[in-house]
Amino acid sequence: MSRSRSLSDDERALWDTVTRAVAPLRKRKAKKSEQPTAPTAAAPLPQPARSANVSPAAPPKARTPPPLAPLGRRMRSKLARGSEPIDDRIDLHGMTQPDAHAALAHFLRRAQARGARVVLVI
């Protein structure tokens, strides 16, 4: 049994605020409409004053990480069953991002030099 009631003005205002701040998880295909919708005009952002001698900085190029080595079906099943030993492990909890990145890079280099095949990063 479902009872429904109407929202109060305060609840409606809160709901409208919350729904404006939420973004959809994925884009849905737009239904074809006969009238094109005009995008809402946002307040223009103030442009910082630029000196004539300063050229705008180019945005940094996004580097993509190298592709991961594929994990075979047999190795994946051995890891899931626990029959393949984990050669080394590292726990990065409680570290800041720069510290964790440095520790992870050092850990992976050391594990590779020792010939570790399977490592666990927590």
PDB file of N, CA and C in Angstrom:
ATOM      1  N   MET A   1       0.822  -1.157   0.000  1.00  0.00           N
ATOM      2  CA  MET A   1       0.000   0.000   0.000  1.00  0.00           C
ATOM      3  C   MET A   1       0.878   1.237   0.000  1.00  0.00           C
ATOM      4  N   SER A   2       0.598   2.121  -0.875  1.00  0.00           N
ATOM      5  CA  SER A   2       1.416   3.317  -1.002  1.00  0.00           C
ATOM      6  C   SER A   2       0.584   4.550  -0.678  1.00  0.00           C
ATOM      7  N   ARG A   3       1.055   5.313   0.283  1.00  0.00           N
ATOM      8  CA  ARG A   3       0.383   6.568   0.609  1.00  0.00           C
ATOM      9  C   ARG A   3       1.232   7.692   0.031  1.00  0.00           C
ATOM     10  N   SER A   4       0.600   8.587  -0.650  1.00  0.00           N
ATOM     11  CA  SER A   4       1.365   9.706  -1.177  1.00  0.00           C
ATOM     12  C   SER A   4       0.794  10.998  -0.624  1.00  0.00           C
ATOM     13  N   ARG A   5       1.655  11.938  -0.399  1.00  0.00           N
ATOM     14  CA  ARG A   5       1.228  13.239   0.078  1.00  0.00           C
ATOM     15  C   ARG A   5       1.955  14.276  -0.745  1.00  0.00           C
ATOM     16  N   SER A   6       1.457  15.447  -0.764  1.00  0.00           N
ATOM     17  CA  SER A   6       2.117  16.495  -1.527  1.00  0.00           C
ATOM     18  C   SER A   6       3.234  17.097  -0.674  1.00  0.00           C
ATOM     19  N   LEU A   7       4.257  17.617  -1.351  1.00  0.00           N
ATOM     20  CA  LEU A   7       5.392  18.205  -0.652  1.00  0.00           C
ATOM     21  C   LEU A   7       5.058  19.609  -0.180  1.00  0.00           C
ATOM     22  N   SER A   8       5.630  19.981   0.951  1.00  0.00           N
ATOM     23  CA  SER A   8       5.453  21.351   1.432  1.00  0.00           C
ATOM     24  C   SER A   8       6.329  22.273   0.585  1.00  0.00           C
ATOM     25  N   ASP A   9       6.145  23.564   0.744  1.00  0.00           N
ATOM     26  CA  ASP A   9       6.942  24.517  -0.041  1.00  0.00           C
ATOM     27  C   ASP A   9       8.428  24.376   0.266  1.00  0.00           C
ATOM     28  N   ASP A  10       8.780  24.177   1.534  1.00  0.00           N
ATOM     29  CA  ASP A  10      10.188  23.997   1.910  1.00  0.00           C
ATOM     30  C   ASP A  10      10.753  22.720   1.305  1.00  0.00           C
ATOM     31  N   GLU A  11       9.977  21.638   1.353  1.00  0.00           N
ATOM     32  CA  GLU A  11      10.433  20.384   0.778  1.00  0.00           C
ATOM     33  C   GLU A  11      10.575  20.489  -0.737  1.00  0.00           C
ATOM     34  N   ARG A  12       9.658  21.187  -1.392  1.00  0.00           N
ATOM     35  CA  ARG A  12       9.730  21.375  -2.844  1.00  0.00           C
ATOM     36  C   ARG A  12      10.977  22.179  -3.214  1.00  0.00           C
ATOM     37  N   ALA A  13      11.281  23.242  -2.453  1.00  0.00           N
ATOM     38  CA  ALA A  13      12.472  24.051  -2.724  1.00  0.00           C
ATOM     39  C   ALA A  13      13.738  23.226  -2.538  1.00  0.00           C
ATOM     40  N   LEU A  14      13.773  22.415  -1.482  1.00  0.00           N
ATOM     41  CA  LEU A  14      14.926  21.555  -1.245  1.00  0.00           C
ATOM     42  C   LEU A  14      15.070  20.537  -2.366  1.00  0.00           C
ATOM     43  N   TRP A  15      13.962  19.922  -2.775  1.00  0.00           N
ATOM     44  CA  TRP A  15      13.998  18.929  -3.850  1.00  0.00           C
ATOM     45  C   TRP A  15      14.485  19.556  -5.156  1.00  0.00           C
ATOM     46  N   ASP A  16      14.009  20.756  -5.483  1.00  0.00           N
ATOM     47  CA  ASP A  16      14.447  21.432  -6.701  1.00  0.00           C
ATOM     48  C   ASP A  16      15.937  21.728  -6.652  1.00  0.00           C
ATOM     49  N   THR A  17      16.444  22.126  -5.495  1.00  0.00           N
ATOM     50  CA  THR A  17      17.876  22.405  -5.347  1.00  0.00           C
ATOM     51  C   THR A  17      18.693  21.136  -5.560  1.00  0.00           C
ATOM     52  N   VAL A  18      18.246  20.049  -4.957  1.00  0.00           N
ATOM     53  CA  VAL A  18      18.977  18.784  -5.076  1.00  0.00           C
ATOM     54  C   VAL A  18      18.971  18.284  -6.512  1.00  0.00           C
ATOM     55  N   THR A  19      17.830  18.332  -7.170  1.00  0.00           N
ATOM     56  CA  THR A  19      17.755  17.799  -8.534  1.00  0.00           C
ATOM     57  C   THR A  19      18.515  18.651  -9.521  1.00  0.00           C
ATOM     58  N   ARG A  20      18.700  19.922  -9.236  1.00  0.00           N
ATOM     59  CA  ARG A  20      19.516  20.762 -10.125  1.00  0.00           C
ATOM     60  C   ARG A  20      20.992  20.406 -10.018  1.00  0.00           C
ATOM     61  N   ALA A  21      21.417  19.932  -8.852  1.00  0.00           N
ATOM     62  CA  ALA A  21      22.828  19.631  -8.622  1.00  0.00           C
ATOM     63  C   ALA A  21      23.213  18.225  -9.065  1.00  0.00           C
ATOM     64  N   VAL A  22      22.260  17.393  -9.448  1.00  0.00           N
ATOM     65  CA  VAL A  22      22.537  16.003  -9.806  1.00  0.00           C
ATOM     66  C   VAL A  22      22.727  15.888 -11.310  1.00  0.00           C
ATOM     67  N   ALA A  23      23.775  15.188 -11.700  1.00  0.00           N
ATOM     68  CA  ALA A  23      24.028  14.931 -13.125  1.00  0.00           C
ATOM     69  C   ALA A  23      23.657  13.481 -13.421  1.00  0.00           C
ATOM     70  N   PRO A  24      23.096  13.197 -14.593  1.00  0.00           N
ATOM     71  CA  PRO A  24      22.747  11.815 -14.929  1.00  0.00           C
ATOM     72  C   PRO A  24      23.999  10.958 -15.069  1.00  0.00           C
ATOM     73  N   LEU A  25      23.869   9.649 -14.799  1.00  0.00           N
ATOM     74  CA  LEU A  25      25.006   8.753 -14.905  1.00  0.00           C
ATOM     75  C   LEU A  25      25.475   8.599 -16.346  1.00  0.00           C
ATOM     76  N   ARG A  26      24.564   8.519 -17.258  1.00  0.00           N
ATOM     77  CA  ARG A  26      24.940   8.440 -18.671  1.00  0.00           C
ATOM     78  C   ARG A  26      23.916   9.211 -19.483  1.00  0.00           C
ATOM     79  N   LYS A  27      24.360   9.630 -20.634  1.00  0.00           N
ATOM     80  CA  LYS A  27      23.464  10.406 -21.481  1.00  0.00           C
ATOM     81  C   LYS A  27      22.448   9.484 -22.129  1.00  0.00           C
ATOM     82  N   ARG A  28      21.241   9.948 -22.157  1.00  0.00           N
ATOM     83  CA  ARG A  28      20.191   9.196 -22.832  1.00  0.00           C
ATOM     84  C   ARG A  28      20.001   9.795 -24.212  1.00  0.00           C
ATOM     85  N   LYS A  29      19.567   8.967 -25.116  1.00  0.00           N
ATOM     86  CA  LYS A  29      19.303   9.473 -26.456  1.00  0.00           C
ATOM     87  C   LYS A  29      18.144  10.447 -26.387  1.00  0.00           C
ATOM     88  N   ALA A  30      18.358  11.604 -26.974  1.00  0.00           N
ATOM     89  CA  ALA A  30      17.320  12.628 -26.944  1.00  0.00           C
ATOM     90  C   ALA A  30      16.195  12.230 -27.888  1.00  0.00           C
ATOM     91  N   LYS A  31      14.988  12.438 -27.423  1.00  0.00           N
ATOM     92  CA  LYS A  31      13.848  12.159 -28.286  1.00  0.00           C
ATOM     93  C   LYS A  31      13.753  13.272 -29.309  1.00  0.00           C
ATOM     94  N   LYS A  32      13.387  12.913 -30.518  1.00  0.00           N
ATOM     95  CA  LYS A  32      13.272  13.912 -31.569  1.00  0.00           C
ATOM     96  C   LYS A  32      12.103  14.831 -31.256  1.00  0.00           C
ATOM     97  N   SER A  33      12.398  16.116 -31.255  1.00  0.00           N
ATOM     98  CA  SER A  33      11.326  17.086 -31.018  1.00  0.00           C
ATOM     99  C   SER A  33      11.278  18.037 -32.203  1.00  0.00           C
ATOM    100  N   GLU A  34      10.133  18.591 -32.415  1.00  0.00           N
ATOM    101  CA  GLU A  34       9.961  19.474 -33.561  1.00  0.00           C
ATOM    102  C   GLU A  34      10.588  20.842 -33.324  1.00  0.00           C
ATOM    103  N   GLN A  35      10.622  21.283 -32.072  1.00  0.00           N
ATOM    104  CA  GLN A  35      11.196  22.586 -31.769  1.00  0.00           C
ATOM    105  C   GLN A  35      12.547  22.381 -31.104  1.00  0.00           C
ATOM    106  N   PRO A  36      13.605  22.985 -31.656  1.00  0.00           N
ATOM    107  CA  PRO A  36      14.900  22.868 -30.997  1.00  0.00           C
ATOM    108  C   PRO A  36      14.892  23.669 -29.701  1.00  0.00           C
ATOM    109  N   THR A  37      15.473  23.082 -28.675  1.00  0.00           N
ATOM    110  CA  THR A  37      15.508  23.770 -27.400  1.00  0.00           C
ATOM    111  C   THR A  37      16.741  24.652 -27.340  1.00  0.00           C
ATOM    112  N   ALA A  38      16.567  25.861 -26.835  1.00  0.00           N
ATOM    113  CA  ALA A  38      17.683  26.795 -26.709  1.00  0.00           C
ATOM    114  C   ALA A  38      18.415  26.496 -25.413  1.00  0.00           C
ATOM    115  N   PRO A  39      19.760  26.460 -25.455  1.00  0.00           N
ATOM    116  CA  PRO A  39      20.497  26.200 -24.223  1.00  0.00           C
ATOM    117  C   PRO A  39      20.304  27.366 -23.258  1.00  0.00           C
ATOM    118  N   THR A  40      20.281  27.039 -21.978  1.00  0.00           N
ATOM    119  CA  THR A  40      20.103  28.085 -20.986  1.00  0.00           C
ATOM    120  C   THR A  40      21.357  28.939 -20.934  1.00  0.00           C
ATOM    121  N   ALA A  41      21.160  30.232 -20.857  1.00  0.00           N
ATOM    122  CA  ALA A  41      22.290  31.157 -20.843  1.00  0.00           C
ATOM    123  C   ALA A  41      22.834  31.248 -19.438  1.00  0.00           C
ATOM    124  N   ALA A  42      24.110  30.908 -19.288  1.00  0.00           N
ATOM    125  CA  ALA A  42      24.761  31.007 -17.994  1.00  0.00           C
ATOM    126  C   ALA A  42      25.416  32.375 -17.892  1.00  0.00           C
ATOM    127  N   ALA A  43      25.617  32.822 -16.685  1.00  0.00           N
ATOM    128  CA  ALA A  43      26.263  34.120 -16.493  1.00  0.00           C
ATOM    129  C   ALA A  43      27.680  34.037 -17.027  1.00  0.00           C
ATOM    130  N   PRO A  44      28.107  35.010 -17.841  1.00  0.00           N
ATOM    131  CA  PRO A  44      29.458  34.958 -18.387  1.00  0.00           C
ATOM    132  C   PRO A  44      30.490  35.130 -17.280  1.00  0.00           C
ATOM    133  N   LEU A  45      31.553  34.354 -17.383  1.00  0.00           N
ATOM    134  CA  LEU A  45      32.609  34.436 -16.396  1.00  0.00           C
ATOM    135  C   LEU A  45      33.509  35.617 -16.720  1.00  0.00           C
ATOM    136  N   PRO A  46      33.961  36.350 -15.704  1.00  0.00           N
ATOM    137  CA  PRO A  46      34.854  37.473 -15.979  1.00  0.00           C
ATOM    138  C   PRO A  46      36.191  36.970 -16.498  1.00  0.00           C
ATOM    139  N   GLN A  47      36.688  37.607 -17.529  1.00  0.00           N
ATOM    140  CA  GLN A  47      37.961  37.237 -18.113  1.00  0.00           C
ATOM    141  C   GLN A  47      39.081  37.987 -17.403  1.00  0.00           C
ATOM    142  N   PRO A  48      40.139  37.295 -16.991  1.00  0.00           N
ATOM    143  CA  PRO A  48      41.241  37.989 -16.345  1.00  0.00           C
ATOM    144  C   PRO A  48      41.969  38.873 -17.357  1.00  0.00           C
ATOM    145  N   ALA A  49      42.464  39.995 -16.871  1.00  0.00           N
ATOM    146  CA  ALA A  49      43.194  40.914 -17.742  1.00  0.00           C
ATOM    147  C   ALA A  49      44.513  40.269 -18.137  1.00  0.00           C
ATOM    148  N   ARG A  50      44.857  40.361 -19.415  1.00  0.00           N
ATOM    149  CA  ARG A  50      46.093  39.757 -19.908  1.00  0.00           C
ATOM    150  C   ARG A  50      47.048  40.841 -20.353  1.00  0.00           C
ATOM    151  N   SER A  51      48.272  40.585 -20.099  1.00  0.00           N
ATOM    152  CA  SER A  51      49.309  41.495 -20.544  1.00  0.00           C
ATOM    153  C   SER A  51      49.604  41.194 -22.011  1.00  0.00           C
ATOM    154  N   ALA A  52      50.051  42.183 -22.757  1.00  0.00           N
ATOM    155  CA  ALA A  52      50.351  41.996 -24.178  1.00  0.00           C
ATOM    156  C   ALA A  52      51.553  41.081 -24.367  1.00  0.00           C
ATOM    157  N   ASN A  53      52.442  41.003 -23.378  1.00  0.00           N
ATOM    158  CA  ASN A  53      53.663  40.212 -23.509  1.00  0.00           C
ATOM    159  C   ASN A  53      53.460  38.745 -23.142  1.00  0.00           C
ATOM    160  N   VAL A  54      52.387  38.433 -22.452  1.00  0.00           N
ATOM    161  CA  VAL A  54      52.163  37.072 -21.973  1.00  0.00           C
ATOM    162  C   VAL A  54      51.289  36.328 -22.968  1.00  0.00           C
ATOM    163  N   SER A  55      51.764  35.159 -23.411  1.00  0.00           N
ATOM    164  CA  SER A  55      50.958  34.332 -24.309  1.00  0.00           C
ATOM    165  C   SER A  55      50.210  33.316 -23.466  1.00  0.00           C
ATOM    166  N   PRO A  56      49.014  32.922 -23.888  1.00  0.00           N
ATOM    167  CA  PRO A  56      48.261  31.961 -23.088  1.00  0.00           C
ATOM    168  C   PRO A  56      48.982  30.613 -23.064  1.00  0.00           C
ATOM    169  N   ALA A  57      48.984  29.985 -21.904  1.00  0.00           N
ATOM    170  CA  ALA A  57      49.659  28.697 -21.749  1.00  0.00           C
ATOM    171  C   ALA A  57      48.824  27.611 -22.417  1.00  0.00           C
ATOM    172  N   ALA A  58      49.509  26.716 -23.088  1.00  0.00           N
ATOM    173  CA  ALA A  58      48.832  25.607 -23.740  1.00  0.00           C
ATOM    174  C   ALA A  58      48.383  24.625 -22.664  1.00  0.00           C
ATOM    175  N   PRO A  59      47.196  24.053 -22.813  1.00  0.00           N
ATOM    176  CA  PRO A  59      46.753  23.087 -21.805  1.00  0.00           C
ATOM    177  C   PRO A  59      47.656  21.863 -21.842  1.00  0.00           C
ATOM    178  N   PRO A  60      47.912  21.250 -20.676  1.00  0.00           N
ATOM    179  CA  PRO A  60      48.789  20.076 -20.665  1.00  0.00           C
ATOM    180  C   PRO A  60      48.140  18.924 -21.416  1.00  0.00           C
ATOM    181  N   LYS A  61      48.956  18.190 -22.129  1.00  0.00           N
ATOM    182  CA  LYS A  61      48.454  17.049 -22.892  1.00  0.00           C
ATOM    183  C   LYS A  61      48.203  15.889 -21.930  1.00  0.00           C
ATOM    184  N   ALA A  62      47.060  15.288 -22.082  1.00  0.00           N
ATOM    185  CA  ALA A  62      46.698  14.164 -21.222  1.00  0.00           C
ATOM    186  C   ALA A  62      47.461  12.930 -21.675  1.00  0.00           C
ATOM    187  N   ARG A  63      48.199  12.341 -20.746  1.00  0.00           N
ATOM    188  CA  ARG A  63      48.936  11.130 -21.079  1.00  0.00           C
ATOM    189  C   ARG A  63      48.082   9.933 -20.704  1.00  0.00           C
ATOM    190  N   THR A  64      47.978   9.012 -21.615  1.00  0.00           N
ATOM    191  CA  THR A  64      47.229   7.802 -21.328  1.00  0.00           C
ATOM    192  C   THR A  64      48.205   6.742 -20.839  1.00  0.00           C
ATOM    193  N   PRO A  65      47.817   5.978 -19.833  1.00  0.00           N
ATOM    194  CA  PRO A  65      48.714   4.948 -19.330  1.00  0.00           C
ATOM    195  C   PRO A  65      48.872   3.844 -20.363  1.00  0.00           C
ATOM    196  N   PRO A  66      49.978   3.121 -20.307  1.00  0.00           N
ATOM    197  CA  PRO A  66      50.150   2.012 -21.256  1.00  0.00           C
ATOM    198  C   PRO A  66      49.106   0.940 -20.977  1.00  0.00           C
ATOM    199  N   PRO A  67      48.753   0.168 -21.983  1.00  0.00           N
ATOM    200  CA  PRO A  67      47.744  -0.867 -21.775  1.00  0.00           C
ATOM    201  C   PRO A  67      48.258  -1.945 -20.819  1.00  0.00           C
ATOM    202  N   LEU A  68      47.358  -2.508 -20.051  1.00  0.00           N
ATOM    203  CA  LEU A  68      47.726  -3.574 -19.125  1.00  0.00           C
ATOM    204  C   LEU A  68      47.947  -4.868 -19.888  1.00  0.00           C
ATOM    205  N   ALA A  69      48.827  -5.694 -19.362  1.00  0.00           N
ATOM    206  CA  ALA A  69      49.060  -6.994 -19.973  1.00  0.00           C
ATOM    207  C   ALA A  69      47.814  -7.837 -19.756  1.00  0.00           C
ATOM    208  N   PRO A  70      47.375  -8.546 -20.779  1.00  0.00           N
ATOM    209  CA  PRO A  70      46.161  -9.356 -20.608  1.00  0.00           C
ATOM    210  C   PRO A  70      46.412 -10.495 -19.625  1.00  0.00           C
ATOM    211  N   LEU A  71      45.415 -10.792 -18.831  1.00  0.00           N
ATOM    212  CA  LEU A  71      45.486 -11.877 -17.864  1.00  0.00           C
ATOM    213  C   LEU A  71      44.735 -13.060 -18.453  1.00  0.00           C
ATOM    214  N   GLY A  72      45.436 -14.152 -18.628  1.00  0.00           N
ATOM    215  CA  GLY A  72      44.834 -15.331 -19.249  1.00  0.00           C
ATOM    216  C   GLY A  72      43.744 -15.950 -18.387  1.00  0.00           C
ATOM    217  N   ARG A  73      42.890 -16.712 -19.035  1.00  0.00           N
ATOM    218  CA  ARG A  73      41.770 -17.352 -18.338  1.00  0.00           C
ATOM    219  C   ARG A  73      42.272 -18.299 -17.260  1.00  0.00           C
ATOM    220  N   ARG A  74      43.302 -19.055 -17.551  1.00  0.00           N
ATOM    221  CA  ARG A  74      43.831 -20.023 -16.585  1.00  0.00           C
ATOM    222  C   ARG A  74      44.433 -19.317 -15.372  1.00  0.00           C
ATOM    223  N   MET A  75      45.212 -18.246 -15.622  1.00  0.00           N
ATOM    224  CA  MET A  75      45.820 -17.502 -14.516  1.00  0.00           C
ATOM    225  C   MET A  75      44.740 -16.823 -13.669  1.00  0.00           C
ATOM    226  N   ARG A  76      43.716 -16.296 -14.314  1.00  0.00           N
ATOM    227  CA  ARG A  76      42.622 -15.641 -13.599  1.00  0.00           C
ATOM    228  C   ARG A  76      41.900 -16.636 -12.688  1.00  0.00           C
ATOM    229  N   SER A  77      41.682 -17.841 -13.183  1.00  0.00           N
ATOM    230  CA  SER A  77      40.993 -18.843 -12.358  1.00  0.00           C
ATOM    231  C   SER A  77      41.886 -19.313 -11.205  1.00  0.00           C
ATOM    232  N   LYS A  78      43.198 -19.441 -11.437  1.00  0.00           N
ATOM    233  CA  LYS A  78      44.112 -19.823 -10.358  1.00  0.00           C
ATOM    234  C   LYS A  78      44.134 -18.762  -9.261  1.00  0.00           C
ATOM    235  N   LEU A  79      44.137 -17.494  -9.669  1.00  0.00           N
ATOM    236  CA  LEU A  79      44.116 -16.412  -8.682  1.00  0.00           C
ATOM    237  C   LEU A  79      42.810 -16.413  -7.902  1.00  0.00           C
ATOM    238  N   ALA A  80      41.702 -16.661  -8.575  1.00  0.00           N
ATOM    239  CA  ALA A  80      40.409 -16.676  -7.910  1.00  0.00           C
ATOM    240  C   ALA A  80      40.312 -17.824  -6.912  1.00  0.00           C
ATOM    241  N   ARG A  81      40.898 -18.980  -7.256  1.00  0.00           N
ATOM    242  CA  ARG A  81      40.866 -20.135  -6.358  1.00  0.00           C
ATOM    243  C   ARG A  81      41.899 -20.025  -5.245  1.00  0.00           C
ATOM    244  N   GLY A  82      42.905 -19.173  -5.434  1.00  0.00           N
ATOM    245  CA  GLY A  82      43.955 -19.026  -4.431  1.00  0.00           C
ATOM    246  C   GLY A  82      45.084 -20.018  -4.603  1.00  0.00           C
ATOM    247  N   SER A  83      45.137 -20.708  -5.749  1.00  0.00           N
ATOM    248  CA  SER A  83      46.201 -21.683  -5.959  1.00  0.00           C
ATOM    249  C   SER A  83      47.466 -21.038  -6.534  1.00  0.00           C
ATOM    250  N   GLU A  84      47.372 -19.816  -7.032  1.00  0.00           N
ATOM    251  CA  GLU A  84      48.542 -19.079  -7.525  1.00  0.00           C
ATOM    252  C   GLU A  84      48.997 -18.154  -6.398  1.00  0.00           C
ATOM    253  N   PRO A  85      50.242 -18.302  -5.954  1.00  0.00           N
ATOM    254  CA  PRO A  85      50.695 -17.463  -4.837  1.00  0.00           C
ATOM    255  C   PRO A  85      50.908 -16.010  -5.278  1.00  0.00           C
ATOM    256  N   ILE A  86      50.621 -15.100  -4.360  1.00  0.00           N
ATOM    257  CA  ILE A  86      50.882 -13.680  -4.602  1.00  0.00           C
ATOM    258  C   ILE A  86      52.305 -13.421  -4.134  1.00  0.00           C
ATOM    259  N   ASP A  87      53.141 -12.940  -5.054  1.00  0.00           N
ATOM    260  CA  ASP A  87      54.557 -12.786  -4.765  1.00  0.00           C
ATOM    261  C   ASP A  87      54.847 -11.643  -3.794  1.00  0.00           C
ATOM    262  N   ASP A  88      54.119 -10.563  -3.879  1.00  0.00           N
ATOM    263  CA  ASP A  88      54.371  -9.420  -3.003  1.00  0.00           C
ATOM    264  C   ASP A  88      53.103  -8.594  -2.906  1.00  0.00           C
ATOM    265  N   ARG A  89      52.996  -7.793  -1.850  1.00  0.00           N
ATOM    266  CA  ARG A  89      51.808  -6.944  -1.685  1.00  0.00           C
ATOM    267  C   ARG A  89      52.218  -5.619  -1.071  1.00  0.00           C
ATOM    268  N   ILE A  90      51.401  -4.588  -1.344  1.00  0.00           N
ATOM    269  CA  ILE A  90      51.622  -3.263  -0.777  1.00  0.00           C
ATOM    270  C   ILE A  90      50.259  -2.680  -0.399  1.00  0.00           C
ATOM    271  N   ASP A  91      50.225  -2.000   0.735  1.00  0.00           N
ATOM    272  CA  ASP A  91      49.005  -1.357   1.214  1.00  0.00           C
ATOM    273  C   ASP A  91      49.259   0.150   1.228  1.00  0.00           C
ATOM    274  N   LEU A  92      48.499   0.891   0.427  1.00  0.00           N
ATOM    275  CA  LEU A  92      48.701   2.329   0.285  1.00  0.00           C
ATOM    276  C   LEU A  92      47.741   3.145   1.147  1.00  0.00           C
ATOM    277  N   HIS A  93      46.953   2.491   1.994  1.00  0.00           N
ATOM    278  CA  HIS A  93      46.006   3.221   2.832  1.00  0.00           C
ATOM    279  C   HIS A  93      46.734   4.191   3.760  1.00  0.00           C
ATOM    280  N   GLY A  94      46.164   5.352   3.943  1.00  0.00           N
ATOM    281  CA  GLY A  94      46.716   6.346   4.851  1.00  0.00           C
ATOM    282  C   GLY A  94      47.795   7.211   4.240  1.00  0.00           C
ATOM    283  N   MET A  95      48.163   6.959   2.994  1.00  0.00           N
ATOM    284  CA  MET A  95      49.187   7.771   2.336  1.00  0.00           C
ATOM    285  C   MET A  95      48.529   8.869   1.518  1.00  0.00           C
ATOM    286  N   THR A  96      49.243   9.971   1.362  1.00  0.00           N
ATOM    287  CA  THR A  96      48.762  11.005   0.459  1.00  0.00           C
ATOM    288  C   THR A  96      49.004  10.529  -0.957  1.00  0.00           C
ATOM    289  N   GLN A  97      48.372  11.174  -1.910  1.00  0.00           N
ATOM    290  CA  GLN A  97      48.503  10.724  -3.294  1.00  0.00           C
ATOM    291  C   GLN A  97      49.953  10.772  -3.783  1.00  0.00           C
ATOM    292  N   PRO A  98      50.708  11.858  -3.542  1.00  0.00           N
ATOM    293  CA  PRO A  98      52.105  11.845  -4.012  1.00  0.00           C
ATOM    294  C   PRO A  98      52.940  10.760  -3.331  1.00  0.00           C
ATOM    295  N   ASP A  99      52.736  10.568  -2.015  1.00  0.00           N
ATOM    296  CA  ASP A  99      53.485   9.525  -1.311  1.00  0.00           C
ATOM    297  C   ASP A  99      53.123   8.140  -1.836  1.00  0.00           C
ATOM    298  N   ALA A 100      51.830   7.902  -2.047  1.00  0.00           N
ATOM    299  CA  ALA A 100      51.378   6.600  -2.543  1.00  0.00           C
ATOM    300  C   ALA A 100      51.911   6.347  -3.948  1.00  0.00           C
ATOM    301  N   HIS A 101      51.928   7.378  -4.787  1.00  0.00           N
ATOM    302  CA  HIS A 101      52.431   7.209  -6.155  1.00  0.00           C
ATOM    303  C   HIS A 101      53.910   6.843  -6.137  1.00  0.00           C
ATOM    304  N   ALA A 102      54.686   7.525  -5.313  1.00  0.00           N
ATOM    305  CA  ALA A 102      56.115   7.226  -5.228  1.00  0.00           C
ATOM    306  C   ALA A 102      56.344   5.825  -4.663  1.00  0.00           C
ATOM    307  N   ALA A 103      55.603   5.468  -3.619  1.00  0.00           N
ATOM    308  CA  ALA A 103      55.759   4.141  -3.014  1.00  0.00           C
ATOM    309  C   ALA A 103      55.358   3.045  -3.999  1.00  0.00           C
ATOM    310  N   LEU A 104      54.288   3.269  -4.762  1.00  0.00           N
ATOM    311  CA  LEU A 104      53.842   2.275  -5.733  1.00  0.00           C
ATOM    312  C   LEU A 104      54.869   2.095  -6.852  1.00  0.00           C
ATOM    313  N   ALA A 105      55.407   3.197  -7.359  1.00  0.00           N
ATOM    314  CA  ALA A 105      56.412   3.101  -8.423  1.00  0.00           C
ATOM    315  C   ALA A 105      57.641   2.339  -7.932  1.00  0.00           C
ATOM    316  N   HIS A 106      58.100   2.654  -6.719  1.00  0.00           N
ATOM    317  CA  HIS A 106      59.265   1.964  -6.157  1.00  0.00           C
ATOM    318  C   HIS A 106      58.958   0.476  -5.943  1.00  0.00           C
ATOM    319  N   PHE A 107      57.776   0.183  -5.407  1.00  0.00           N
ATOM    320  CA  PHE A 107      57.359  -1.194  -5.164  1.00  0.00           C
ATOM    321  C   PHE A 107      57.321  -2.004  -6.457  1.00  0.00           C
ATOM    322  N   LEU A 108      56.731  -1.428  -7.512  1.00  0.00           N
ATOM    323  CA  LEU A 108      56.614  -2.156  -8.777  1.00  0.00           C
ATOM    324  C   LEU A 108      57.975  -2.390  -9.421  1.00  0.00           C
ATOM    325  N   ARG A 109      58.864  -1.387  -9.355  1.00  0.00           N
ATOM    326  CA  ARG A 109      60.210  -1.577  -9.905  1.00  0.00           C
ATOM    327  C   ARG A 109      60.950  -2.680  -9.151  1.00  0.00           C
ATOM    328  N   ARG A 110      60.849  -2.669  -7.814  1.00  0.00           N
ATOM    329  CA  ARG A 110      61.528  -3.666  -6.991  1.00  0.00           C
ATOM    330  C   ARG A 110      60.948  -5.062  -7.257  1.00  0.00           C
ATOM    331  N   ALA A 111      59.625  -5.165  -7.361  1.00  0.00           N
ATOM    332  CA  ALA A 111      58.995  -6.463  -7.607  1.00  0.00           C
ATOM    333  C   ALA A 111      59.374  -7.000  -8.981  1.00  0.00           C
ATOM    334  N   GLN A 112      59.427  -6.127  -9.967  1.00  0.00           N
ATOM    335  CA  GLN A 112      59.808  -6.567 -11.314  1.00  0.00           C
ATOM    336  C   GLN A 112      61.258  -7.034 -11.339  1.00  0.00           C
ATOM    337  N   ALA A 113      62.137  -6.326 -10.628  1.00  0.00           N
ATOM    338  CA  ALA A 113      63.547  -6.708 -10.589  1.00  0.00           C
ATOM    339  C   ALA A 113      63.737  -8.066  -9.916  1.00  0.00           C
ATOM    340  N   ARG A 114      62.889  -8.390  -8.950  1.00  0.00           N
ATOM    341  CA  ARG A 114      62.972  -9.682  -8.272  1.00  0.00           C
ATOM    342  C   ARG A 114      62.274 -10.786  -9.030  1.00  0.00           C
ATOM    343  N   GLY A 115      61.584 -10.443 -10.133  1.00  0.00           N
ATOM    344  CA  GLY A 115      60.918 -11.458 -10.943  1.00  0.00           C
ATOM    345  C   GLY A 115      59.528 -11.830 -10.471  1.00  0.00           C
ATOM    346  N   ALA A 116      58.903 -10.958  -9.717  1.00  0.00           N
ATOM    347  CA  ALA A 116      57.550 -11.235  -9.223  1.00  0.00           C
ATOM    348  C   ALA A 116      56.578 -11.237 -10.395  1.00  0.00           C
ATOM    349  N   ARG A 117      55.700 -12.228 -10.408  1.00  0.00           N
ATOM    350  CA  ARG A 117      54.703 -12.325 -11.474  1.00  0.00           C
ATOM    351  C   ARG A 117      53.360 -11.753 -11.041  1.00  0.00           C
ATOM    352  N   VAL A 118      53.023 -11.936  -9.761  1.00  0.00           N
ATOM    353  CA  VAL A 118      51.726 -11.487  -9.244  1.00  0.00           C
ATOM    354  C   VAL A 118      51.955 -10.636  -8.014  1.00  0.00           C
ATOM    355  N   VAL A 119      51.470  -9.414  -8.057  1.00  0.00           N
ATOM    356  CA  VAL A 119      51.551  -8.527  -6.894  1.00  0.00           C
ATOM    357  C   VAL A 119      50.151  -8.032  -6.558  1.00  0.00           C
ATOM    358  N   LEU A 120      49.935  -7.712  -5.297  1.00  0.00           N
ATOM    359  CA  LEU A 120      48.646  -7.241  -4.826  1.00  0.00           C
ATOM    360  C   LEU A 120      48.828  -5.813  -4.344  1.00  0.00           C
ATOM    361  N   VAL A 121      48.054  -4.885  -4.912  1.00  0.00           N
ATOM    362  CA  VAL A 121      48.084  -3.481  -4.514  1.00  0.00           C
ATOM    363  C   VAL A 121      46.768  -3.182  -3.821  1.00  0.00           C
ATOM    364  N   ILE A 122      46.884  -2.778  -2.553  1.00  0.00           N
ATOM    365  CA  ILE A 122      45.694  -2.455  -1.767  1.00  0.00           C
ATOM    366  C   ILE A 122      45.665  -0.961  -1.543  1.00  0.00           C
TER     367      ILE A 122
END
